[in-house]
Amino acid sequence: MGFPKTWAAKITLQELTQVLPKIFREAQGFTRDEFLGLHAGEQFHFCLAGLGGLVATHAPTPWQALADVAELVPSFGVLTIEQKSVGSYTKISATCPTFWSPSNCTQLLDIFFSATLSALRHLSGPKLMPRSLHLSRPAPKSAEAYIRIFGDVSSFGQEKSAILFKTSDLECDSLLYEAHLYEQLRFSAVIALGSGESDFELLQSIRKGIRGGAFSLAEIASKLDRSTRSVQRGLQREGTNFRSLLSETRADLAVEMLRDTELPINILATRLNYSNGKALSRAVKKATGLPPRALRRNGLDDD
């Protein structure tokens, strides 16, 4: 495709999002395989994901391996991935870029979910099965390939794509766990992959990102070239969380803009990602004890 030999070391996120669809299209055209993504994902192992993946390979449990990957494997930003507990289950969701075609999204999501299951089976054994798999793609003519890999748990045409595991299935002892090796690898990975910022500096960087218009944890993590889990842990060590910091910083911005501009409240609300003017007004009053009109008058009086 015209890339130099060192393209893997130089490729940017923008280039990556342009290249992957071409790779999928050309590979699928060459192989005539509708389920190319599924088959490619079956060959995946955590150790293929760099130093962070090597840490996950030797984690004490498959669940900890997933946590290590979320924290230590740098994200290219191609997929938006979320992992959370839902009762006694662990749910892993993935969303494609909105500008990708449906066929490219299908291939990428197939790779992701197939690779996730493959990597976890290396740690827990080949019998590990998900409890459900929801896919946004339309139902294929035959679901045989999905049944072979995931069991008969797939549903198609869903609003969001996600795989669900019983958490207890992921809390078993890993077949590849080596305590001393795991501790050494994890220590090395945290140093090698860390941003070099102190937690206080991280706090300031997040505030700066929010002021620059990044209003979600995923956007902030991408700007800082860190995983969302790494950002969350840094905030926890500072005794706060992203939601609180977002509320505080947006309210500060709203107060500044009320005092320094004459923009209507609804416009300010849109710029600061509030649902409407009333939501902005509530946030400002909670932070200052004053309604926006009073702040705007005070600001004019200060002039």
Protein backbone atom coordinates (compact mmCIF):
# COMPACT_ATOMS: atom_id res chain seq x y z
CA MET A 1 0.00 0.00 0.00
CA GLY A 2 2.93 2.30 -0.48
CA PHE A 3 4.25 2.42 3.10
CA PRO A 4 7.98 2.46 3.86
CA LYS A 5 9.49 -0.46 5.79
CA THR A 6 9.36 1.53 9.03
CA TRP A 7 5.68 2.44 8.67
CA ALA A 8 4.67 0.52 11.82
CA ALA A 9 6.85 2.78 13.94
CA LYS A 10 5.65 5.99 12.29
CA ILE A 11 1.96 5.46 11.61
CA THR A 12 -0.38 7.97 13.25
CA LEU A 13 -3.91 7.42 14.53
CA GLN A 14 -5.33 9.27 11.53
CA GLU A 15 -3.34 7.09 9.15
CA LEU A 16 -4.29 3.95 11.04
CA THR A 17 -8.01 4.67 10.76
CA GLN A 18 -7.52 5.13 7.02
CA VAL A 19 -5.34 2.05 6.52
CA LEU A 20 -7.31 -0.61 8.42
CA PRO A 21 -10.44 -0.42 6.23
CA LYS A 22 -8.21 -0.90 3.15
CA ILE A 23 -6.56 -3.92 4.74
CA PHE A 24 -9.93 -5.48 5.59
CA ARG A 25 -11.35 -4.82 2.14
CA GLU A 26 -8.35 -6.18 0.24
CA ALA A 27 -7.87 -9.21 2.51
CA GLN A 28 -11.55 -10.11 2.38
CA GLY A 29 -11.57 -9.72 -1.39
CA PHE A 30 -8.53 -11.98 -1.67
CA THR A 31 -9.76 -14.72 0.67
CA ARG A 32 -13.50 -14.49 -0.10
CA ASP A 33 -13.99 -15.12 3.63
CA GLU A 34 -16.96 -13.33 5.21
CA PHE A 35 -15.67 -14.30 8.65
CA LEU A 36 -12.06 -13.23 8.13
CA GLY A 37 -12.13 -11.17 11.35
CA LEU A 38 -13.28 -14.13 13.44
CA HIS A 39 -10.58 -16.40 12.06
CA ALA A 40 -7.85 -13.77 12.50
CA GLY A 41 -8.86 -13.17 16.11
CA GLU A 42 -8.62 -16.88 16.93
CA GLN A 43 -4.83 -16.69 16.60
CA PHE A 44 -4.45 -13.93 19.19
CA HIS A 45 -2.52 -14.17 22.46
CA PHE A 46 -2.10 -11.40 25.06
CA CYS A 47 1.69 -11.50 24.61
CA LEU A 48 1.21 -10.12 21.08
CA ALA A 49 0.05 -6.83 22.61
CA GLY A 50 3.53 -5.69 23.64
CA LEU A 51 4.93 -5.33 27.16
CA GLY A 52 1.52 -4.70 28.72
CA GLY A 53 0.19 -7.84 27.05
CA LEU A 54 3.15 -9.82 28.35
CA VAL A 55 2.23 -8.70 31.87
CA ALA A 56 -1.35 -9.86 31.30
CA THR A 57 -0.10 -13.25 30.06
CA HIS A 58 1.36 -13.99 33.50
CA ALA A 59 -1.42 -12.37 35.59
CA PRO A 60 -2.82 -14.39 38.52
CA THR A 61 -6.33 -14.61 37.01
CA PRO A 62 -7.93 -13.96 33.60
CA TRP A 63 -9.89 -11.10 35.21
CA GLN A 64 -6.64 -9.45 36.33
CA ALA A 65 -5.24 -9.98 32.84
CA LEU A 66 -8.11 -7.93 31.40
CA ALA A 67 -7.46 -5.20 33.97
CA ASP A 68 -3.74 -5.18 33.09
CA VAL A 69 -4.50 -4.88 29.39
CA ALA A 70 -6.90 -1.98 30.04
CA GLU A 71 -4.23 -0.18 32.07
CA LEU A 72 -0.98 -1.03 30.29
CA VAL A 73 -1.72 -1.62 26.60
CA PRO A 74 -1.71 1.75 24.78
CA SER A 75 -4.89 2.25 22.78
CA PHE A 76 -4.72 3.32 19.15
CA GLY A 77 -8.15 4.84 19.61
CA VAL A 78 -9.61 2.82 16.73
CA LEU A 79 -12.10 1.10 19.04
CA THR A 80 -13.72 2.62 22.08
CA ILE A 81 -13.59 -0.15 24.69
CA GLU A 82 -15.38 -0.27 28.03
CA GLN A 83 -15.13 -2.97 30.68
CA LYS A 84 -17.49 -2.98 33.66
CA SER A 85 -19.16 -5.25 36.20
CA VAL A 86 -22.87 -5.94 35.77
CA GLY A 87 -24.04 -7.88 38.81
CA SER A 88 -22.19 -11.20 38.75
CA TYR A 89 -21.00 -10.65 35.17
CA THR A 90 -18.15 -8.81 33.45
CA LYS A 91 -19.21 -6.93 30.31
CA ILE A 92 -16.74 -5.81 27.64
CA SER A 93 -18.20 -3.39 25.08
CA ALA A 94 -16.58 -2.12 21.89
CA THR A 95 -17.66 0.67 19.51
CA CYS A 96 -16.27 1.48 16.06
CA PRO A 97 -15.55 4.96 14.68
CA THR A 98 -18.77 6.44 13.27
CA PHE A 99 -17.13 7.19 9.91
CA TRP A 100 -16.28 3.54 9.21
CA SER A 101 -18.43 1.51 6.86
CA PRO A 102 -20.64 -1.23 8.38
CA SER A 103 -18.58 -3.99 6.72
CA ASN A 104 -15.31 -2.65 8.15
CA CYS A 105 -16.86 -2.34 11.60
CA THR A 106 -18.07 -5.93 11.35
CA GLN A 107 -14.54 -7.18 10.63
CA LEU A 108 -12.92 -5.12 13.39
CA LEU A 109 -15.47 -6.13 16.04
CA ASP A 110 -15.21 -9.77 14.98
CA ILE A 111 -11.43 -9.60 15.44
CA PHE A 112 -11.76 -7.91 18.84
CA PHE A 113 -14.25 -10.32 20.40
CA SER A 114 -12.65 -13.43 18.89
CA ALA A 115 -9.20 -12.24 20.04
CA THR A 116 -10.46 -11.45 23.55
CA LEU A 117 -11.90 -14.95 23.97
CA SER A 118 -8.82 -16.59 22.45
CA ALA A 119 -6.45 -14.74 24.78
CA LEU A 120 -8.55 -15.56 27.85
CA ARG A 121 -8.67 -19.25 26.88
CA HIS A 122 -4.87 -19.36 26.90
CA LEU A 123 -5.09 -18.44 30.59
CA SER A 124 -8.20 -20.29 31.78
CA GLY A 125 -8.40 -23.27 29.44
CA PRO A 126 -10.22 -24.02 26.18
CA LYS A 127 -13.60 -24.58 27.84
CA LEU A 128 -14.15 -20.91 28.74
CA MET A 129 -17.33 -19.65 27.06
CA PRO A 130 -19.06 -16.27 27.15
CA ARG A 131 -22.60 -16.06 28.50
CA SER A 132 -23.70 -13.81 25.64
CA LEU A 133 -22.38 -11.95 22.61
CA HIS A 134 -24.29 -8.96 21.27
CA LEU A 135 -23.30 -7.66 17.84
CA SER A 136 -24.51 -4.59 15.99
CA ARG A 137 -23.97 -6.28 12.60
CA PRO A 138 -26.92 -7.76 10.72
CA ALA A 139 -27.42 -11.50 11.08
CA PRO A 140 -25.24 -13.46 8.62
CA LYS A 141 -26.77 -16.09 6.36
CA SER A 142 -25.18 -18.70 8.61
CA ALA A 143 -24.10 -18.22 12.23
CA GLU A 144 -22.05 -21.43 12.20
CA ALA A 145 -18.70 -19.63 12.54
CA TYR A 146 -19.95 -17.70 15.60
CA ILE A 147 -21.42 -20.84 17.17
CA ARG A 148 -18.13 -22.72 16.68
CA ILE A 149 -16.13 -20.03 18.50
CA PHE A 150 -18.56 -18.54 21.04
CA GLY A 151 -21.23 -21.20 21.40
CA ASP A 152 -24.87 -20.56 20.61
CA VAL A 153 -25.02 -17.24 22.48
CA SER A 154 -24.75 -14.65 19.68
CA SER A 155 -27.49 -12.14 18.88
CA PHE A 156 -27.31 -9.76 15.93
CA GLY A 157 -28.70 -6.35 15.04
CA GLN A 158 -28.16 -5.07 18.58
CA GLU A 159 -27.72 -1.39 19.44
CA LYS A 160 -24.26 -2.01 20.96
CA SER A 161 -21.66 -4.75 20.60
CA ALA A 162 -20.54 -6.48 23.80
CA ILE A 163 -19.38 -9.81 25.19
CA LEU A 164 -20.49 -10.98 28.63
CA PHE A 165 -18.62 -13.38 30.91
CA LYS A 166 -19.55 -14.82 34.28
CA THR A 167 -17.11 -13.01 36.57
CA SER A 168 -16.44 -16.18 38.56
CA ASP A 169 -15.26 -17.84 35.30
CA LEU A 170 -12.59 -15.13 35.03
CA GLU A 171 -11.47 -15.34 38.67
CA CYS A 172 -9.97 -18.82 38.38
CA ASP A 173 -6.22 -19.31 38.73
CA SER A 174 -4.45 -18.57 35.46
CA LEU A 175 -2.63 -21.48 33.82
CA LEU A 176 0.35 -19.22 33.04
CA TYR A 177 0.63 -17.36 36.35
CA GLU A 178 4.17 -16.99 37.67
CA ALA A 179 4.19 -14.72 40.73
CA HIS A 180 7.79 -13.50 40.61
CA LEU A 181 7.79 -13.03 36.83
CA TYR A 182 4.44 -11.20 36.96
CA GLU A 183 5.66 -8.75 39.64
CA GLN A 184 8.87 -8.02 37.73
CA LEU A 185 7.10 -7.56 34.39
CA ARG A 186 4.43 -5.35 35.89
CA PHE A 187 7.00 -3.16 37.63
CA SER A 188 8.93 -2.77 34.38
CA ALA A 189 5.78 -2.05 32.36
CA VAL A 190 4.51 0.64 34.72
CA ILE A 191 7.87 2.43 34.45
CA ALA A 192 8.26 1.94 30.69
CA LEU A 193 4.68 2.80 29.74
CA GLY A 194 4.00 5.46 32.36
CA SER A 195 3.59 9.05 31.25
CA GLY A 196 6.23 10.34 33.67
CA GLU A 197 3.66 12.67 35.26
CA SER A 198 2.97 12.81 38.95
CA ASP A 199 -0.67 12.35 39.93
CA PHE A 200 -0.90 16.08 40.69
CA GLU A 201 0.45 16.88 37.22
CA LEU A 202 -2.08 14.44 35.79
CA LEU A 203 -4.83 16.37 37.58
CA GLN A 204 -3.66 19.62 35.99
CA SER A 205 -3.41 18.00 32.55
CA ILE A 206 -6.98 16.72 32.83
CA ARG A 207 -8.26 20.15 33.83
CA LYS A 208 -6.43 21.63 30.86
CA GLY A 209 -7.96 18.98 28.57
CA ILE A 210 -11.48 19.71 29.83
CA ARG A 211 -10.92 23.43 29.30
CA GLY A 212 -9.87 22.55 25.76
CA GLY A 213 -13.20 20.84 25.06
CA ALA A 214 -12.51 17.19 25.98
CA PHE A 215 -15.54 16.30 28.10
CA SER A 216 -15.26 12.50 28.26
CA LEU A 217 -12.80 10.19 29.99
CA ALA A 218 -11.99 8.47 26.69
CA GLU A 219 -11.11 11.80 25.02
CA ILE A 220 -8.90 12.82 27.94
CA ALA A 221 -7.09 9.47 28.01
CA SER A 222 -6.48 9.67 24.27
CA LYS A 223 -5.04 13.21 24.56
CA LEU A 224 -2.73 12.08 27.37
CA ASP A 225 -1.77 8.84 25.54
CA ARG A 226 -2.85 6.79 28.56
CA SER A 227 -5.48 4.13 29.14
CA THR A 228 -8.74 5.18 30.80
CA ARG A 229 -7.91 2.82 33.66
CA SER A 230 -4.55 4.51 34.23
CA VAL A 231 -6.22 7.94 34.36
CA GLN A 232 -8.87 6.67 36.79
CA ARG A 233 -6.24 5.21 39.12
CA GLY A 234 -4.24 8.45 39.12
CA LEU A 235 -7.37 10.39 40.06
CA GLN A 236 -8.22 7.89 42.80
CA ARG A 237 -4.79 8.43 44.34
CA GLU A 238 -5.59 12.15 44.42
CA GLY A 239 -8.88 11.43 46.19
CA THR A 240 -11.18 12.31 43.31
CA ASN A 241 -12.70 10.87 40.13
CA PHE A 242 -13.28 12.05 36.58
CA ARG A 243 -16.96 12.91 37.06
CA SER A 244 -16.21 15.18 40.02
CA LEU A 245 -13.30 16.85 38.24
CA LEU A 246 -15.40 17.38 35.10
CA SER A 247 -18.25 18.96 37.10
CA GLU A 248 -15.88 21.23 39.00
CA THR A 249 -13.91 22.36 35.95
CA ARG A 250 -16.97 22.94 33.76
CA ALA A 251 -18.61 24.99 36.52
CA ASP A 252 -15.44 27.11 36.81
CA LEU A 253 -15.46 27.60 33.04
CA ALA A 254 -19.14 28.55 33.08
CA VAL A 255 -18.53 31.18 35.77
CA GLU A 256 -15.60 32.64 33.81
CA MET A 257 -17.59 32.79 30.59
CA LEU A 258 -20.61 34.34 32.31
CA ARG A 259 -18.41 37.09 33.69
CA ASP A 260 -16.24 37.64 30.60
CA THR A 261 -18.74 37.27 27.73
CA GLU A 262 -22.30 38.25 26.87
CA LEU A 263 -23.12 34.95 25.20
CA PRO A 264 -26.63 33.62 25.98
CA ILE A 265 -26.77 30.88 28.62
CA ASN A 266 -28.06 28.30 26.13
CA ILE A 267 -25.04 28.92 23.89
CA LEU A 268 -22.68 28.58 26.85
CA ALA A 269 -24.43 25.35 27.81
CA THR A 270 -23.85 23.91 24.33
CA ARG A 271 -20.19 24.92 24.32
CA LEU A 272 -19.62 23.32 27.72
CA ASN A 273 -21.58 20.16 26.85
CA TYR A 274 -24.43 20.72 29.32
CA SER A 275 -27.76 19.25 28.25
CA ASN A 276 -29.42 22.68 28.35
CA GLY A 277 -29.27 26.14 29.95
CA LYS A 278 -31.07 24.98 33.08
CA ALA A 279 -28.43 22.32 33.71
CA LEU A 280 -25.70 24.95 33.43
CA SER A 281 -27.59 27.27 35.78
CA ARG A 282 -27.93 24.50 38.38
CA ALA A 283 -24.23 23.69 38.18
CA VAL A 284 -23.23 27.34 38.55
CA LYS A 285 -25.55 27.92 41.51
CA LYS A 286 -24.30 24.76 43.22
CA ALA A 287 -20.69 25.91 42.80
CA THR A 288 -21.10 29.57 43.73
CA GLY A 289 -24.43 29.93 45.55
CA LEU A 290 -25.46 32.53 42.95
CA PRO A 291 -27.63 32.29 39.83
CA PRO A 292 -25.98 33.08 36.47
CA ARG A 293 -27.67 36.51 36.19
CA ALA A 294 -26.14 37.63 39.46
CA LEU A 295 -22.69 36.49 38.36
CA ARG A 296 -23.07 38.31 35.05
CA ARG A 297 -24.05 41.54 36.87
CA ASN A 298 -21.12 41.13 39.27
CA GLY A 299 -18.79 40.66 36.35
CA LEU A 300 -20.03 43.83 34.65
CA ASP A 301 -19.74 45.76 37.91
CA ASP A 302 -16.11 44.64 38.28
CA ASP A 303 -15.34 46.31 34.97
